[in-house]
């Protein structure tokens, strides 16, 4: 099975992710102790507009759910825990 995101979904995801990353940076700035041994990595990421997500750098979780009427797509931001429904209901 192949999971794809169309152009419209990519655009929505990009705009939403920017908002979520800004929120995640604010969360991290309020919760991460400057004495934390990884604090420098946090600051480096914040300075370029991204939350620190560790060595692997995963901040989004994709959930593709095939159904008889179509493919459901939900994306969750790992830090903010917010989700966006990118399901293309017009294709159902």
N, C-alpha and C. Protein backbone atom coordinates (compact mmCIF):
# COMPACT_ATOMS: atom_id res chain seq x y z
N UNK A 1 0.84 -1.17 0.00
CA UNK A 1 0.00 0.00 0.00
C UNK A 1 0.89 1.24 0.00
N UNK A 2 0.51 2.24 -0.77
CA UNK A 2 1.27 3.48 -0.86
C UNK A 2 0.44 4.59 -0.22
N UNK A 3 1.09 5.37 0.61
CA UNK A 3 0.44 6.52 1.25
C UNK A 3 1.02 7.79 0.66
N UNK A 4 0.16 8.64 0.12
CA UNK A 4 0.61 9.87 -0.52
C UNK A 4 -0.16 11.06 0.03
N UNK A 5 0.51 12.20 -0.05
CA UNK A 5 -0.10 13.48 0.33
C UNK A 5 -0.14 14.34 -0.92
N UNK A 6 -1.32 14.87 -1.24
CA UNK A 6 -1.42 15.69 -2.44
C UNK A 6 -0.94 17.12 -2.19
N UNK A 7 -0.88 17.91 -3.23
CA UNK A 7 -0.35 19.27 -3.16
C UNK A 7 -1.10 20.15 -2.17
N UNK A 8 -2.41 20.05 -2.18
CA UNK A 8 -3.25 20.84 -1.27
C UNK A 8 -2.98 20.45 0.19
N UNK A 9 -2.87 19.16 0.44
CA UNK A 9 -2.59 18.68 1.79
C UNK A 9 -1.20 19.13 2.25
N UNK A 10 -0.23 19.09 1.35
CA UNK A 10 1.13 19.54 1.69
C UNK A 10 1.14 21.01 2.09
N UNK A 11 0.37 21.82 1.35
CA UNK A 11 0.32 23.26 1.65
C UNK A 11 -0.30 23.49 3.03
N UNK A 12 -1.43 22.84 3.30
CA UNK A 12 -2.09 22.97 4.61
C UNK A 12 -1.16 22.51 5.73
N UNK A 13 -0.48 21.38 5.50
CA UNK A 13 0.42 20.83 6.50
C UNK A 13 1.58 21.77 6.79
N UNK A 14 2.13 22.36 5.76
CA UNK A 14 3.26 23.28 5.93
C UNK A 14 2.86 24.50 6.77
N UNK A 15 1.69 25.08 6.46
CA UNK A 15 1.20 26.24 7.21
C UNK A 15 0.92 25.87 8.66
N UNK A 16 0.27 24.75 8.87
CA UNK A 16 -0.08 24.29 10.21
C UNK A 16 1.18 23.96 11.01
N UNK A 17 2.15 23.31 10.38
CA UNK A 17 3.38 22.92 11.06
C UNK A 17 4.14 24.15 11.55
N UNK A 18 4.16 25.21 10.77
CA UNK A 18 4.83 26.44 11.20
C UNK A 18 4.21 26.96 12.49
N UNK A 19 2.90 26.98 12.56
CA UNK A 19 2.19 27.44 13.76
C UNK A 19 2.51 26.52 14.94
N UNK A 20 2.48 25.21 14.70
CA UNK A 20 2.76 24.24 15.77
C UNK A 20 4.20 24.36 16.26
N UNK A 21 5.13 24.56 15.34
CA UNK A 21 6.53 24.71 15.75
C UNK A 21 6.73 25.95 16.61
N UNK A 22 6.06 27.04 16.26
CA UNK A 22 6.14 28.25 17.09
C UNK A 22 5.59 27.98 18.49
N UNK A 23 4.47 27.27 18.56
CA UNK A 23 3.90 26.91 19.87
C UNK A 23 4.84 26.00 20.64
N UNK A 24 5.44 25.03 19.94
CA UNK A 24 6.35 24.08 20.59
C UNK A 24 7.58 24.80 21.13
N UNK A 25 8.09 25.77 20.40
CA UNK A 25 9.24 26.55 20.88
C UNK A 25 8.86 27.28 22.16
N UNK A 26 7.68 27.89 22.17
CA UNK A 26 7.22 28.59 23.38
C UNK A 26 7.11 27.62 24.55
N UNK A 27 6.56 26.45 24.31
CA UNK A 27 6.44 25.43 25.36
C UNK A 27 7.82 25.06 25.89
N UNK A 28 8.74 24.81 24.98
CA UNK A 28 10.08 24.41 25.41
C UNK A 28 10.79 25.53 26.17
N UNK A 29 10.63 26.76 25.73
CA UNK A 29 11.28 27.88 26.42
C UNK A 29 10.77 28.02 27.85
N UNK A 30 9.51 27.65 28.06
CA UNK A 30 8.92 27.75 29.40
C UNK A 30 9.26 26.55 30.29
N UNK A 31 9.61 25.42 29.68
CA UNK A 31 9.75 24.21 30.47
C UNK A 31 11.17 23.65 30.56
N UNK A 32 12.04 24.01 29.63
CA UNK A 32 13.39 23.45 29.62
C UNK A 32 14.31 24.30 30.50
N UNK A 33 14.94 23.67 31.44
CA UNK A 33 15.86 24.33 32.36
C UNK A 33 17.17 24.66 31.63
N UNK A 34 17.62 25.91 31.69
CA UNK A 34 18.89 26.27 31.05
C UNK A 34 20.08 25.44 31.55
N UNK A 35 19.92 24.79 32.69
CA UNK A 35 20.99 23.94 33.21
C UNK A 35 20.97 22.54 32.58
N UNK A 36 19.94 22.26 31.79
CA UNK A 36 19.83 20.97 31.10
C UNK A 36 21.04 20.81 30.18
N UNK A 37 21.66 19.63 30.18
CA UNK A 37 22.87 19.40 29.39
C UNK A 37 22.63 19.56 27.88
N UNK A 38 21.39 19.46 27.45
CA UNK A 38 21.07 19.61 26.02
C UNK A 38 20.56 21.01 25.68
N UNK A 39 20.60 21.91 26.63
CA UNK A 39 20.01 23.24 26.42
C UNK A 39 20.57 23.95 25.19
N UNK A 40 21.86 23.80 24.94
CA UNK A 40 22.47 24.43 23.77
C UNK A 40 21.84 23.98 22.47
N UNK A 41 21.47 22.69 22.40
CA UNK A 41 20.81 22.17 21.21
C UNK A 41 19.42 22.79 21.03
N UNK A 42 18.73 22.97 22.14
CA UNK A 42 17.42 23.63 22.10
C UNK A 42 17.58 25.03 21.51
N UNK A 43 18.51 25.79 22.03
CA UNK A 43 18.70 27.18 21.60
C UNK A 43 19.07 27.23 20.11
N UNK A 44 19.95 26.35 19.68
CA UNK A 44 20.34 26.31 18.26
C UNK A 44 19.10 26.10 17.37
N UNK A 45 18.25 25.17 17.76
CA UNK A 45 17.03 24.91 16.98
C UNK A 45 16.06 26.08 17.04
N UNK A 46 15.87 26.63 18.22
CA UNK A 46 14.95 27.78 18.35
C UNK A 46 15.40 28.92 17.46
N UNK A 47 16.70 29.15 17.38
CA UNK A 47 17.22 30.26 16.59
C UNK A 47 16.95 30.12 15.09
N UNK A 48 16.71 28.89 14.63
CA UNK A 48 16.37 28.70 13.22
C UNK A 48 14.89 28.39 13.01
N UNK A 49 14.10 28.53 14.09
CA UNK A 49 12.65 28.42 13.97
C UNK A 49 12.06 27.04 14.17
N UNK A 50 12.82 26.14 14.81
CA UNK A 50 12.32 24.78 15.04
C UNK A 50 12.46 24.40 16.51
N UNK A 51 11.52 23.62 17.01
CA UNK A 51 11.70 23.09 18.36
C UNK A 51 12.76 22.01 18.33
N UNK A 52 13.39 21.78 19.46
CA UNK A 52 14.37 20.70 19.54
C UNK A 52 13.62 19.39 19.70
N UNK A 53 13.94 18.43 18.83
CA UNK A 53 13.23 17.15 18.84
C UNK A 53 14.18 15.97 19.01
N UNK A 54 15.37 16.23 19.51
CA UNK A 54 16.32 15.14 19.75
C UNK A 54 17.13 14.78 18.53
N UNK A 55 17.92 13.76 18.68
CA UNK A 55 18.85 13.35 17.63
C UNK A 55 18.12 12.90 16.36
N UNK A 56 16.97 12.29 16.51
CA UNK A 56 16.24 11.77 15.35
C UNK A 56 15.46 12.88 14.65
N UNK A 57 15.02 13.87 15.38
CA UNK A 57 14.35 15.02 14.78
C UNK A 57 12.92 14.78 14.33
N UNK A 58 12.19 13.94 15.03
CA UNK A 58 10.80 13.65 14.65
C UNK A 58 9.87 14.58 15.41
N UNK A 59 9.05 15.34 14.67
CA UNK A 59 8.09 16.21 15.33
C UNK A 59 6.66 15.95 14.87
N UNK A 60 6.48 15.17 13.80
CA UNK A 60 5.14 14.90 13.29
C UNK A 60 4.89 13.40 13.23
N UNK A 61 3.65 13.02 13.58
CA UNK A 61 3.22 11.63 13.50
C UNK A 61 2.07 11.56 12.50
N UNK A 62 2.24 10.76 11.47
CA UNK A 62 1.23 10.62 10.42
C UNK A 62 0.40 9.37 10.68
N UNK A 63 -0.91 9.51 10.53
CA UNK A 63 -1.80 8.39 10.70
C UNK A 63 -2.66 8.26 9.43
N UNK A 64 -2.34 7.26 8.62
CA UNK A 64 -3.11 6.96 7.42
C UNK A 64 -4.05 5.82 7.77
N UNK A 65 -5.35 6.03 7.56
CA UNK A 65 -6.33 5.00 7.92
C UNK A 65 -7.18 4.68 6.69
N UNK A 66 -6.83 3.59 6.02
CA UNK A 66 -7.63 3.21 4.86
C UNK A 66 -9.01 2.72 5.29
N UNK A 67 -10.01 3.13 4.54
CA UNK A 67 -11.39 2.69 4.79
C UNK A 67 -12.04 2.41 3.43
N UNK A 68 -13.17 1.79 3.46
CA UNK A 68 -13.84 1.43 2.20
C UNK A 68 -14.22 2.66 1.38
N UNK A 69 -14.41 3.80 2.02
CA UNK A 69 -14.82 5.01 1.29
C UNK A 69 -13.65 5.92 0.92
N UNK A 70 -12.47 5.67 1.47
CA UNK A 70 -11.32 6.50 1.15
C UNK A 70 -10.25 6.41 2.22
N UNK A 71 -9.25 7.26 2.10
CA UNK A 71 -8.10 7.28 3.01
C UNK A 71 -8.23 8.46 3.97
N UNK A 72 -8.21 8.17 5.25
CA UNK A 72 -8.22 9.22 6.26
C UNK A 72 -6.77 9.55 6.61
N UNK A 73 -6.49 10.84 6.80
CA UNK A 73 -5.14 11.27 7.14
C UNK A 73 -5.20 12.28 8.27
N UNK A 74 -4.61 11.91 9.40
CA UNK A 74 -4.50 12.78 10.57
C UNK A 74 -3.02 12.92 10.88
N UNK A 75 -2.59 14.16 11.15
CA UNK A 75 -1.20 14.41 11.53
C UNK A 75 -1.19 15.02 12.91
N UNK A 76 -0.30 14.51 13.78
CA UNK A 76 -0.18 15.02 15.15
C UNK A 76 1.21 15.57 15.36
N UNK A 77 1.27 16.76 15.97
CA UNK A 77 2.56 17.34 16.35
C UNK A 77 2.95 16.73 17.69
N UNK A 78 4.12 16.15 17.76
CA UNK A 78 4.57 15.41 18.93
C UNK A 78 4.68 16.28 20.18
N UNK A 79 5.11 17.52 20.02
CA UNK A 79 5.32 18.38 21.20
C UNK A 79 4.03 19.06 21.64
N UNK A 80 3.27 19.64 20.71
CA UNK A 80 2.05 20.35 21.09
C UNK A 80 0.88 19.39 21.31
N UNK A 81 0.98 18.20 20.73
CA UNK A 81 -0.07 17.19 20.77
C UNK A 81 -1.33 17.62 20.01
N UNK A 82 -1.24 18.67 19.22
CA UNK A 82 -2.35 19.10 18.38
C UNK A 82 -2.38 18.27 17.11
N UNK A 83 -3.59 18.14 16.55
CA UNK A 83 -3.74 17.37 15.32
C UNK A 83 -4.40 18.20 14.23
N UNK A 84 -4.16 17.78 12.99
CA UNK A 84 -4.85 18.37 11.85
C UNK A 84 -5.39 17.22 11.01
N UNK A 85 -6.63 17.37 10.58
CA UNK A 85 -7.26 16.38 9.71
C UNK A 85 -7.02 16.82 8.27
N UNK A 86 -6.21 16.08 7.54
CA UNK A 86 -5.90 16.40 6.15
C UNK A 86 -6.63 15.48 5.18
N UNK A 87 -7.64 14.78 5.67
CA UNK A 87 -8.41 13.89 4.83
C UNK A 87 -9.04 14.67 3.68
N UNK A 88 -8.92 14.14 2.48
CA UNK A 88 -9.50 14.78 1.29
C UNK A 88 -10.92 14.22 1.10
N UNK A 89 -11.87 14.79 1.84
CA UNK A 89 -13.23 14.28 1.85
C UNK A 89 -13.92 14.44 0.49
N UNK A 90 -13.42 15.35 -0.35
CA UNK A 90 -14.00 15.53 -1.68
C UNK A 90 -13.79 14.31 -2.57
N UNK A 91 -12.82 13.48 -2.23
CA UNK A 91 -12.53 12.28 -3.03
C UNK A 91 -13.38 11.08 -2.60
N UNK A 92 -14.18 11.24 -1.55
CA UNK A 92 -15.02 10.13 -1.08
C UNK A 92 -16.23 9.98 -1.98
